[in-house]
């Protein structure tokens, strides 16, 4: 799983790498990613098309991948364990 991360979240980057994730800075990695982690990002709708980061799922390159799309995670008030749980389950919380 390729996880892009916003600058300023180095603590999350280091801890996720220690747990075996491939973590890259979103402004340095021009390839598809499976998840994007940020804090307090402006409203995605209001961002100009030219400045919005291109977030394309890695599944486009892997036809047997079971997930679709990029998982976008707001890291505010979340622990590393919560972030990892979201990455593994591809949801913020259980439905039931």
C-alpha atoms as a PDB file:
ATOM      1  CA  UNK A   1       0.000   0.000   0.000  1.00  0.00           C
ATOM      2  CA  UNK A   2       1.341   3.408  -0.988  1.00  0.00           C
ATOM      3  CA  UNK A   3       0.376   6.158   1.462  1.00  0.00           C
ATOM      4  CA  UNK A   4       0.923   9.822   0.575  1.00  0.00           C
ATOM      5  CA  UNK A   5       1.269  12.221   3.473  1.00  0.00           C
ATOM      6  CA  UNK A   6       1.169  15.983   3.845  1.00  0.00           C
ATOM      7  CA  UNK A   7       4.336  17.769   4.949  1.00  0.00           C
ATOM      8  CA  UNK A   8       4.402  18.460   8.662  1.00  0.00           C
ATOM      9  CA  UNK A   9       3.251  14.949   9.542  1.00  0.00           C
ATOM     10  CA  UNK A  10       6.728  13.450   9.818  1.00  0.00           C
ATOM     11  CA  UNK A  11       5.835  11.675  13.068  1.00  0.00           C
ATOM     12  CA  UNK A  12       3.079   9.737  11.319  1.00  0.00           C
ATOM     13  CA  UNK A  13       5.359   9.071   8.342  1.00  0.00           C
ATOM     14  CA  UNK A  14       8.113   7.581  10.519  1.00  0.00           C
ATOM     15  CA  UNK A  15       5.727   5.434  12.565  1.00  0.00           C
ATOM     16  CA  UNK A  16       3.875   4.102   9.517  1.00  0.00           C
ATOM     17  CA  UNK A  17       7.182   3.225   7.823  1.00  0.00           C
ATOM     18  CA  UNK A  18       8.227   1.358  10.978  1.00  0.00           C
ATOM     19  CA  UNK A  19       4.997  -0.625  10.641  1.00  0.00           C
ATOM     20  CA  UNK A  20       5.813  -1.584   7.053  1.00  0.00           C
ATOM     21  CA  UNK A  21       3.894   0.973   4.978  1.00  0.00           C
ATOM     22  CA  UNK A  22       5.405   2.701   1.954  1.00  0.00           C
ATOM     23  CA  UNK A  23       4.918   6.373   2.882  1.00  0.00           C
ATOM     24  CA  UNK A  24       5.735   9.246   0.537  1.00  0.00           C
ATOM     25  CA  UNK A  25       5.313  13.015   0.597  1.00  0.00           C
ATOM     26  CA  UNK A  26       2.451  13.969  -1.706  1.00  0.00           C
ATOM     27  CA  UNK A  27       4.477  16.776  -3.289  1.00  0.00           C
ATOM     28  CA  UNK A  28       7.418  14.476  -4.158  1.00  0.00           C
ATOM     29  CA  UNK A  29       5.632  11.395  -5.495  1.00  0.00           C
ATOM     30  CA  UNK A  30       4.003  11.801  -8.943  1.00  0.00           C
ATOM     31  CA  UNK A  31       2.524   8.291  -9.027  1.00  0.00           C
ATOM     32  CA  UNK A  32      -0.820   6.821  -7.914  1.00  0.00           C
ATOM     33  CA  UNK A  33      -1.396   6.272  -4.192  1.00  0.00           C
ATOM     34  CA  UNK A  34      -3.841   4.194  -2.157  1.00  0.00           C
ATOM     35  CA  UNK A  35      -4.339   6.662   0.701  1.00  0.00           C
ATOM     36  CA  UNK A  36      -3.667  10.319   1.505  1.00  0.00           C
ATOM     37  CA  UNK A  37      -3.165  11.599   5.073  1.00  0.00           C
ATOM     38  CA  UNK A  38      -3.542  15.295   5.893  1.00  0.00           C
ATOM     39  CA  UNK A  39      -4.452  17.702   8.706  1.00  0.00           C
ATOM     40  CA  UNK A  40      -6.828  20.649   8.293  1.00  0.00           C
ATOM     41  CA  UNK A  41      -6.767  20.644   4.508  1.00  0.00           C
ATOM     42  CA  UNK A  42      -8.885  23.352   2.888  1.00  0.00           C
ATOM     43  CA  UNK A  43     -12.186  22.386   1.314  1.00  0.00           C
ATOM     44  CA  UNK A  44     -11.368  20.158  -1.694  1.00  0.00           C
ATOM     45  CA  UNK A  45     -14.218  21.659  -3.701  1.00  0.00           C
ATOM     46  CA  UNK A  46     -12.811  25.180  -3.405  1.00  0.00           C
ATOM     47  CA  UNK A  47      -9.259  24.318  -4.459  1.00  0.00           C
ATOM     48  CA  UNK A  48      -8.316  25.486  -7.941  1.00  0.00           C
ATOM     49  CA  UNK A  49      -7.966  22.624 -10.455  1.00  0.00           C
ATOM     50  CA  UNK A  50      -4.391  23.706 -11.213  1.00  0.00           C
ATOM     51  CA  UNK A  51      -3.240  23.569  -7.586  1.00  0.00           C
ATOM     52  CA  UNK A  52      -5.183  20.551  -6.298  1.00  0.00           C
ATOM     53  CA  UNK A  53      -2.918  17.524  -5.814  1.00  0.00           C
ATOM     54  CA  UNK A  54      -3.522  14.685  -8.232  1.00  0.00           C
ATOM     55  CA  UNK A  55      -4.681  11.736  -6.164  1.00  0.00           C
ATOM     56  CA  UNK A  56      -5.164   8.669  -8.322  1.00  0.00           C
ATOM     57  CA  UNK A  57      -5.521   5.219  -6.890  1.00  0.00           C
ATOM     58  CA  UNK A  58      -2.777   2.665  -7.407  1.00  0.00           C
ATOM     59  CA  UNK A  59      -5.464   0.170  -8.357  1.00  0.00           C
ATOM     60  CA  UNK A  60      -5.356   1.509 -11.892  1.00  0.00           C
ATOM     61  CA  UNK A  61      -2.060  -0.327 -12.217  1.00  0.00           C
ATOM     62  CA  UNK A  62      -3.274  -3.500 -10.451  1.00  0.00           C
ATOM     63  CA  UNK A  63      -6.422  -5.057 -11.885  1.00  0.00           C
ATOM     64  CA  UNK A  64      -6.661  -7.675  -9.128  1.00  0.00           C
ATOM     65  CA  UNK A  65      -6.691  -5.055  -6.338  1.00  0.00           C
ATOM     66  CA  UNK A  66      -9.874  -5.356  -4.236  1.00  0.00           C
ATOM     67  CA  UNK A  67     -10.204  -1.654  -3.299  1.00  0.00           C
ATOM     68  CA  UNK A  68     -11.357   1.270  -5.409  1.00  0.00           C
ATOM     69  CA  UNK A  69     -10.300   4.893  -5.082  1.00  0.00           C
ATOM     70  CA  UNK A  70      -8.036   6.840  -2.765  1.00  0.00           C
ATOM     71  CA  UNK A  71      -8.736   6.713   0.958  1.00  0.00           C
ATOM     72  CA  UNK A  72      -8.447  10.281   2.305  1.00  0.00           C
ATOM     73  CA  UNK A  73      -7.724  10.505   6.044  1.00  0.00           C
ATOM     74  CA  UNK A  74      -7.802  13.606   8.241  1.00  0.00           C
ATOM     75  CA  UNK A  75      -5.182  12.858  10.912  1.00  0.00           C
ATOM     76  CA  UNK A  76      -6.379  15.552  13.305  1.00  0.00           C
ATOM     77  CA  UNK A  77      -6.999  14.091  16.790  1.00  0.00           C
ATOM     78  CA  UNK A  78      -6.087  10.568  15.631  1.00  0.00           C
ATOM     79  CA  UNK A  79      -3.402   8.304  17.050  1.00  0.00           C
ATOM     80  CA  UNK A  80      -1.062   6.220  14.916  1.00  0.00           C
ATOM     81  CA  UNK A  81      -3.082   3.135  15.914  1.00  0.00           C
ATOM     82  CA  UNK A  82      -6.306   4.788  14.711  1.00  0.00           C
ATOM     83  CA  UNK A  83      -4.648   5.766  11.424  1.00  0.00           C
ATOM     84  CA  UNK A  84      -3.426   2.207  10.896  1.00  0.00           C
ATOM     85  CA  UNK A  85      -6.879   0.805  11.673  1.00  0.00           C
ATOM     86  CA  UNK A  86      -8.412   3.150   9.085  1.00  0.00           C
ATOM     87  CA  UNK A  87      -5.804   2.100   6.509  1.00  0.00           C
ATOM     88  CA  UNK A  88      -6.381  -1.602   7.161  1.00  0.00           C
ATOM     89  CA  UNK A  89     -10.182  -1.422   7.196  1.00  0.00           C
ATOM     90  CA  UNK A  90     -10.508   1.412   4.648  1.00  0.00           C
ATOM     91  CA  UNK A  91     -13.182   3.009   6.860  1.00  0.00           C
ATOM     92  CA  UNK A  92     -13.151   5.470   9.750  1.00  0.00           C
ATOM     93  CA  UNK A  93     -15.246   3.355  12.124  1.00  0.00           C
ATOM     94  CA  UNK A  94     -17.288   0.179  12.188  1.00  0.00           C
ATOM     95  CA  UNK A  95     -20.735   0.488  10.667  1.00  0.00           C
ATOM     96  CA  UNK A  96     -22.313  -1.544  13.484  1.00  0.00           C
END
